[in-house]
């Protein structure tokens, strides 16, 4: 683990999952990967992004027995409850592809629609 900042606490964790687990997650997620989309505009609310060129999917930790340990590992490292249904969402898997896909920063919070569309 590498500490980037003490206040606020920011750490980088290496090798949280084994290569075997990573390969299993990749295999389980691959069939459902789709091009990432953004909220867009009122006229085109679900559009492909020119800045976000990854493929993405979400899988529930109970989808396969080998996924069940991932929320526990996250909890052990962060202290956060990472179990879906309590305080977390499904596991997000992103593929940046062999052509160097890109996933630009973005706001996940959905607030007042007029403000949201002014930001786009």
N, C-alpha and C. Protein backbone atom coordinates (compact mmCIF):
# COMPACT_ATOMS: atom_id res chain seq x y z
N UNK A 1 0.84 -1.16 0.00
CA UNK A 1 0.00 0.00 0.00
C UNK A 1 0.90 1.24 0.00
N UNK A 2 0.54 2.21 -0.83
CA UNK A 2 1.32 3.44 -0.93
C UNK A 2 0.47 4.60 -0.43
N UNK A 3 1.00 5.37 0.51
CA UNK A 3 0.29 6.52 1.07
C UNK A 3 0.62 7.74 0.23
N UNK A 4 -0.42 8.37 -0.34
CA UNK A 4 -0.24 9.59 -1.14
C UNK A 4 -0.48 10.83 -0.30
N UNK A 5 -1.36 10.72 0.71
CA UNK A 5 -1.67 11.86 1.57
C UNK A 5 -2.15 11.33 2.92
N UNK A 6 -1.72 12.00 3.97
CA UNK A 6 -2.18 11.63 5.30
C UNK A 6 -3.46 12.38 5.65
N UNK A 7 -3.54 13.64 5.25
CA UNK A 7 -4.74 14.44 5.52
C UNK A 7 -5.08 15.23 4.27
N UNK A 8 -6.12 14.86 3.55
CA UNK A 8 -7.00 13.73 3.82
C UNK A 8 -6.31 12.41 3.48
N UNK A 9 -6.78 11.32 4.09
CA UNK A 9 -6.12 10.04 3.81
C UNK A 9 -6.37 9.57 2.38
N UNK A 10 -5.28 9.39 1.63
CA UNK A 10 -5.36 8.88 0.27
C UNK A 10 -4.28 7.81 0.13
N UNK A 11 -4.69 6.58 -0.17
CA UNK A 11 -3.74 5.49 -0.34
C UNK A 11 -4.01 4.78 -1.66
N UNK A 12 -2.99 4.14 -2.16
CA UNK A 12 -3.11 3.32 -3.36
C UNK A 12 -2.79 1.90 -2.96
N UNK A 13 -3.71 0.99 -3.26
CA UNK A 13 -3.55 -0.41 -2.89
C UNK A 13 -3.16 -1.21 -4.13
N UNK A 14 -2.11 -1.98 -4.00
CA UNK A 14 -1.64 -2.82 -5.10
C UNK A 14 -2.05 -4.27 -4.86
N UNK A 15 -2.36 -4.96 -5.92
CA UNK A 15 -2.61 -6.40 -5.87
C UNK A 15 -3.70 -6.78 -4.87
N UNK A 16 -4.78 -6.03 -4.86
CA UNK A 16 -5.90 -6.35 -3.97
C UNK A 16 -6.51 -7.70 -4.35
N UNK A 17 -6.61 -7.93 -5.64
CA UNK A 17 -7.13 -9.22 -6.13
C UNK A 17 -6.01 -9.97 -6.82
N UNK A 18 -6.08 -11.28 -6.74
CA UNK A 18 -5.09 -12.11 -7.42
C UNK A 18 -5.30 -12.04 -8.93
N UNK A 19 -4.28 -12.43 -9.67
CA UNK A 19 -4.40 -12.48 -11.13
C UNK A 19 -5.52 -13.44 -11.55
N UNK A 20 -5.66 -14.54 -10.80
CA UNK A 20 -6.71 -15.52 -11.09
C UNK A 20 -8.09 -14.90 -10.92
N UNK A 21 -8.30 -14.19 -9.81
CA UNK A 21 -9.60 -13.55 -9.58
C UNK A 21 -9.88 -12.48 -10.63
N UNK A 22 -8.86 -11.70 -10.97
CA UNK A 22 -9.01 -10.67 -12.00
C UNK A 22 -9.42 -11.30 -13.33
N UNK A 23 -8.81 -12.41 -13.70
CA UNK A 23 -9.15 -13.11 -14.94
C UNK A 23 -10.58 -13.64 -14.88
N UNK A 24 -10.99 -14.14 -13.72
CA UNK A 24 -12.36 -14.65 -13.58
C UNK A 24 -13.38 -13.53 -13.71
N UNK A 25 -13.13 -12.39 -13.08
CA UNK A 25 -14.04 -11.24 -13.19
C UNK A 25 -14.13 -10.78 -14.64
N UNK A 26 -12.99 -10.71 -15.30
CA UNK A 26 -12.96 -10.30 -16.71
C UNK A 26 -13.78 -11.26 -17.56
N UNK A 27 -13.62 -12.55 -17.34
CA UNK A 27 -14.35 -13.56 -18.09
C UNK A 27 -15.86 -13.47 -17.84
N UNK A 28 -16.25 -13.27 -16.59
CA UNK A 28 -17.67 -13.18 -16.25
C UNK A 28 -18.31 -11.91 -16.82
N UNK A 29 -17.55 -10.82 -16.84
CA UNK A 29 -18.10 -9.53 -17.27
C UNK A 29 -18.09 -9.34 -18.79
N UNK A 30 -17.15 -9.95 -19.47
CA UNK A 30 -16.95 -9.71 -20.90
C UNK A 30 -18.21 -9.84 -21.76
N UNK A 31 -19.06 -10.85 -21.57
CA UNK A 31 -20.23 -10.97 -22.44
C UNK A 31 -21.23 -9.81 -22.34
N UNK A 32 -21.21 -9.09 -21.23
CA UNK A 32 -22.20 -8.01 -21.07
C UNK A 32 -21.61 -6.62 -21.19
N UNK A 33 -20.34 -6.51 -21.58
CA UNK A 33 -19.72 -5.19 -21.75
C UNK A 33 -20.37 -4.45 -22.92
N UNK A 34 -20.72 -3.19 -22.67
CA UNK A 34 -21.28 -2.32 -23.70
C UNK A 34 -20.57 -0.98 -23.66
N UNK A 35 -20.54 -0.31 -24.79
CA UNK A 35 -19.93 1.02 -24.87
C UNK A 35 -20.53 1.93 -23.81
N UNK A 36 -19.69 2.60 -23.04
CA UNK A 36 -20.16 3.52 -22.00
C UNK A 36 -20.94 4.66 -22.64
N UNK A 37 -21.98 5.06 -21.95
CA UNK A 37 -22.83 6.15 -22.43
C UNK A 37 -22.93 7.23 -21.37
N UNK A 38 -23.35 8.40 -21.80
CA UNK A 38 -23.54 9.50 -20.88
C UNK A 38 -25.00 9.94 -20.91
N UNK A 39 -25.38 10.72 -19.91
CA UNK A 39 -26.76 11.16 -19.80
C UNK A 39 -27.17 12.01 -20.99
N UNK A 40 -26.31 12.87 -21.47
CA UNK A 40 -26.58 13.64 -22.67
C UNK A 40 -27.49 14.83 -22.47
N UNK A 41 -28.33 15.07 -23.46
CA UNK A 41 -29.21 16.23 -23.48
C UNK A 41 -30.65 15.76 -23.49
N UNK A 42 -31.61 16.67 -23.28
CA UNK A 42 -33.02 16.25 -23.34
C UNK A 42 -33.40 15.62 -24.69
N UNK A 43 -32.77 16.06 -25.78
CA UNK A 43 -33.07 15.51 -27.10
C UNK A 43 -32.40 14.16 -27.35
N UNK A 44 -31.29 13.92 -26.67
CA UNK A 44 -30.54 12.68 -26.84
C UNK A 44 -30.02 12.24 -25.47
N UNK A 45 -30.90 11.67 -24.63
CA UNK A 45 -30.54 11.42 -23.23
C UNK A 45 -29.57 10.26 -22.97
N UNK A 46 -29.36 9.40 -23.92
CA UNK A 46 -28.50 8.24 -23.70
C UNK A 46 -27.56 8.10 -24.89
N UNK A 47 -26.51 8.90 -24.87
CA UNK A 47 -25.65 8.97 -26.05
C UNK A 47 -24.24 8.47 -25.79
N UNK A 48 -23.59 8.05 -26.86
CA UNK A 48 -22.19 7.67 -26.76
C UNK A 48 -21.37 8.94 -26.58
N UNK A 49 -20.32 8.82 -25.80
CA UNK A 49 -19.47 9.97 -25.52
C UNK A 49 -18.22 9.91 -26.38
N UNK A 50 -17.78 11.06 -26.86
CA UNK A 50 -16.52 11.13 -27.59
C UNK A 50 -15.33 11.08 -26.64
N UNK A 51 -15.57 11.44 -25.37
CA UNK A 51 -14.49 11.47 -24.38
C UNK A 51 -14.40 10.19 -23.57
N UNK A 52 -15.46 9.44 -23.54
CA UNK A 52 -15.51 8.23 -22.71
C UNK A 52 -15.64 7.04 -23.64
N UNK A 53 -14.54 6.41 -23.97
CA UNK A 53 -14.55 5.37 -25.00
C UNK A 53 -14.35 3.97 -24.44
N UNK A 54 -14.66 3.78 -23.18
CA UNK A 54 -14.54 2.45 -22.60
C UNK A 54 -15.84 1.66 -22.79
N UNK A 55 -15.75 0.37 -22.52
CA UNK A 55 -16.94 -0.47 -22.43
C UNK A 55 -17.12 -0.79 -20.95
N UNK A 56 -18.37 -0.89 -20.51
CA UNK A 56 -18.63 -1.03 -19.08
C UNK A 56 -19.81 -1.96 -18.83
N UNK A 57 -19.79 -2.59 -17.67
CA UNK A 57 -20.93 -3.39 -17.21
C UNK A 57 -20.91 -3.42 -15.70
N UNK A 58 -22.00 -3.82 -15.11
CA UNK A 58 -22.09 -3.99 -13.66
C UNK A 58 -22.55 -5.42 -13.39
N UNK A 59 -21.91 -6.06 -12.43
CA UNK A 59 -22.31 -7.41 -12.07
C UNK A 59 -22.47 -7.49 -10.54
N UNK A 60 -23.48 -8.21 -10.12
CA UNK A 60 -23.76 -8.34 -8.70
C UNK A 60 -22.82 -9.37 -8.10
N UNK A 61 -22.42 -9.13 -6.87
CA UNK A 61 -21.46 -10.03 -6.21
C UNK A 61 -21.97 -11.46 -6.06
N UNK A 62 -23.29 -11.66 -6.11
CA UNK A 62 -23.84 -13.02 -6.00
C UNK A 62 -23.99 -13.69 -7.37
N UNK A 63 -23.60 -13.01 -8.44
CA UNK A 63 -23.68 -13.57 -9.78
C UNK A 63 -22.84 -14.84 -9.90
N UNK A 64 -21.74 -14.88 -9.18
CA UNK A 64 -20.85 -16.04 -9.23
C UNK A 64 -20.12 -16.14 -7.89
N UNK A 65 -19.87 -17.35 -7.46
CA UNK A 65 -19.25 -17.56 -6.14
C UNK A 65 -17.90 -16.87 -6.01
N UNK A 66 -17.17 -16.71 -7.10
CA UNK A 66 -15.84 -16.11 -7.03
C UNK A 66 -15.88 -14.58 -6.87
N UNK A 67 -17.07 -14.00 -6.98
CA UNK A 67 -17.19 -12.55 -6.80
C UNK A 67 -17.48 -12.18 -5.35
N UNK A 68 -17.89 -13.12 -4.55
CA UNK A 68 -18.38 -12.84 -3.20
C UNK A 68 -17.32 -12.28 -2.27
N UNK A 69 -16.04 -12.59 -2.51
CA UNK A 69 -14.98 -12.11 -1.64
C UNK A 69 -14.57 -10.66 -1.93
N UNK A 70 -14.94 -10.13 -3.08
CA UNK A 70 -14.48 -8.78 -3.46
C UNK A 70 -14.99 -7.71 -2.49
N UNK A 71 -16.28 -7.67 -2.14
CA UNK A 71 -16.72 -6.67 -1.15
C UNK A 71 -16.02 -6.81 0.20
N UNK A 72 -15.72 -8.05 0.61
CA UNK A 72 -15.02 -8.26 1.87
C UNK A 72 -13.61 -7.69 1.81
N UNK A 73 -12.93 -7.90 0.68
CA UNK A 73 -11.58 -7.34 0.52
C UNK A 73 -11.62 -5.81 0.58
N UNK A 74 -12.60 -5.22 -0.10
CA UNK A 74 -12.73 -3.77 -0.09
C UNK A 74 -12.97 -3.28 1.34
N UNK A 75 -13.82 -3.99 2.08
CA UNK A 75 -14.09 -3.62 3.47
C UNK A 75 -12.83 -3.71 4.33
N UNK A 76 -12.05 -4.77 4.16
CA UNK A 76 -10.85 -4.96 4.96
C UNK A 76 -9.84 -3.83 4.74
N UNK A 77 -9.75 -3.34 3.52
CA UNK A 77 -8.77 -2.30 3.20
C UNK A 77 -9.28 -0.91 3.56
N UNK A 78 -10.57 -0.65 3.30
CA UNK A 78 -11.11 0.70 3.46
C UNK A 78 -11.93 0.91 4.73
N UNK A 79 -12.48 -0.18 5.27
CA UNK A 79 -13.40 -0.04 6.39
C UNK A 79 -14.81 0.30 5.95
N UNK A 80 -15.02 0.45 4.64
CA UNK A 80 -16.35 0.78 4.10
C UNK A 80 -17.16 -0.48 3.86
N UNK A 81 -18.46 -0.37 4.03
CA UNK A 81 -19.37 -1.47 3.73
C UNK A 81 -19.55 -1.51 2.21
N UNK A 82 -19.01 -2.52 1.57
CA UNK A 82 -19.06 -2.61 0.11
C UNK A 82 -20.04 -3.67 -0.37
N UNK A 83 -20.93 -4.12 0.50
CA UNK A 83 -21.91 -5.13 0.13
C UNK A 83 -23.12 -4.46 -0.49
N UNK A 84 -23.51 -4.90 -1.68
CA UNK A 84 -24.68 -4.31 -2.33
C UNK A 84 -25.91 -4.56 -1.47
N UNK A 85 -26.86 -3.67 -1.59
CA UNK A 85 -28.06 -3.79 -0.78
C UNK A 85 -27.94 -3.04 0.52
N UNK A 86 -26.72 -2.73 0.92
CA UNK A 86 -26.50 -1.98 2.14
C UNK A 86 -26.02 -0.56 1.82
N UNK A 87 -24.87 -0.47 1.21
CA UNK A 87 -24.30 0.86 0.97
C UNK A 87 -23.53 0.95 -0.34
N UNK A 88 -23.59 -0.07 -1.16
CA UNK A 88 -22.78 -0.08 -2.37
C UNK A 88 -23.61 -0.49 -3.57
N UNK A 89 -23.10 -0.18 -4.75
CA UNK A 89 -23.76 -0.63 -5.97
C UNK A 89 -23.04 -1.88 -6.47
N UNK A 90 -23.57 -2.45 -7.54
CA UNK A 90 -22.95 -3.64 -8.12
C UNK A 90 -21.49 -3.34 -8.51
N UNK A 91 -20.72 -4.40 -8.70
CA UNK A 91 -19.33 -4.26 -9.10
C UNK A 91 -19.26 -3.73 -10.52
N UNK A 92 -18.54 -2.65 -10.73
CA UNK A 92 -18.40 -2.07 -12.06
C UNK A 92 -17.13 -2.61 -12.70
N UNK A 93 -17.26 -3.09 -13.92
CA UNK A 93 -16.12 -3.59 -14.68
C UNK A 93 -16.02 -2.77 -15.95
N UNK A 94 -14.86 -2.20 -16.18
CA UNK A 94 -14.63 -1.38 -17.37
C UNK A 94 -13.49 -1.96 -18.18
N UNK A 95 -13.63 -1.88 -19.49
CA UNK A 95 -12.58 -2.31 -20.39
C UNK A 95 -12.18 -1.12 -21.25
N UNK A 96 -10.90 -0.81 -21.25
CA UNK A 96 -10.41 0.29 -22.05
C UNK A 96 -9.92 -0.18 -23.41
N UNK A 97 -10.01 -1.47 -23.65
CA UNK A 97 -9.72 -2.03 -24.96
C UNK A 97 -8.26 -1.97 -25.35
N UNK A 98 -7.98 -2.57 -26.47
CA UNK A 98 -6.60 -2.63 -26.96
C UNK A 98 -6.22 -1.35 -27.70
N UNK A 99 -7.19 -0.44 -27.90
CA UNK A 99 -6.88 0.81 -28.63
C UNK A 99 -6.72 1.98 -27.67
N UNK A 100 -6.63 1.69 -26.37
CA UNK A 100 -6.40 2.76 -25.41
C UNK A 100 -7.64 3.58 -25.11
N UNK A 101 -8.74 2.91 -24.79
CA UNK A 101 -9.96 3.63 -24.45
C UNK A 101 -9.73 4.60 -23.31
N UNK A 102 -10.65 5.53 -23.16
CA UNK A 102 -10.51 6.59 -22.17
C UNK A 102 -11.83 6.79 -21.44
N UNK A 103 -11.77 6.98 -20.13
CA UNK A 103 -12.96 7.23 -19.33
C UNK A 103 -12.73 8.52 -18.58
N UNK A 104 -13.26 9.62 -19.09
CA UNK A 104 -13.04 10.95 -18.55
C UNK A 104 -13.78 11.13 -17.22
N UNK A 105 -13.31 12.03 -16.38
CA UNK A 105 -13.99 12.31 -15.12
C UNK A 105 -15.41 12.79 -15.40
N UNK A 106 -16.29 12.58 -14.45
CA UNK A 106 -17.68 12.98 -14.64
C UNK A 106 -18.39 13.00 -13.29
N UNK A 107 -19.53 13.62 -13.26
CA UNK A 107 -20.36 13.68 -12.06
C UNK A 107 -21.39 12.55 -12.13
N UNK A 108 -21.46 11.75 -11.09
CA UNK A 108 -22.48 10.71 -11.04
C UNK A 108 -23.77 11.22 -10.44
N UNK A 109 -23.68 12.26 -9.65
CA UNK A 109 -24.87 12.78 -8.97
C UNK A 109 -25.85 13.37 -9.98
N UNK A 110 -27.09 12.99 -9.86
CA UNK A 110 -28.13 13.55 -10.72
C UNK A 110 -28.89 14.58 -9.91
N UNK A 111 -28.68 15.83 -10.25
CA UNK A 111 -29.34 16.89 -9.53
C UNK A 111 -30.28 17.61 -10.48
N UNK A 112 -30.67 18.83 -10.18
CA UNK A 112 -31.63 19.59 -10.97
C UNK A 112 -31.31 19.48 -12.46
N UNK A 113 -32.28 19.04 -13.30
CA UNK A 113 -32.00 18.82 -14.73
C UNK A 113 -31.50 20.07 -15.45
N UNK A 114 -31.98 21.24 -15.10
CA UNK A 114 -31.54 22.44 -15.79
C UNK A 114 -30.05 22.71 -15.50
N UNK A 115 -29.63 22.49 -14.29
CA UNK A 115 -28.23 22.66 -13.93
C UNK A 115 -27.39 21.61 -14.63
N UNK A 116 -27.87 20.36 -14.62
CA UNK A 116 -27.12 19.25 -15.22
C UNK A 116 -26.86 19.52 -16.70
N UNK A 117 -27.85 19.95 -17.45
CA UNK A 117 -27.67 20.13 -18.88
C UNK A 117 -26.84 21.37 -19.19
N UNK A 118 -26.80 22.34 -18.29
CA UNK A 118 -25.94 23.50 -18.48
C UNK A 118 -24.48 23.10 -18.32
N UNK A 119 -24.21 22.06 -17.53
CA UNK A 119 -22.84 21.61 -17.30
C UNK A 119 -22.29 20.79 -18.46
N UNK A 120 -23.14 20.22 -19.28
CA UNK A 120 -22.67 19.35 -20.35
C UNK A 120 -22.05 20.11 -21.50
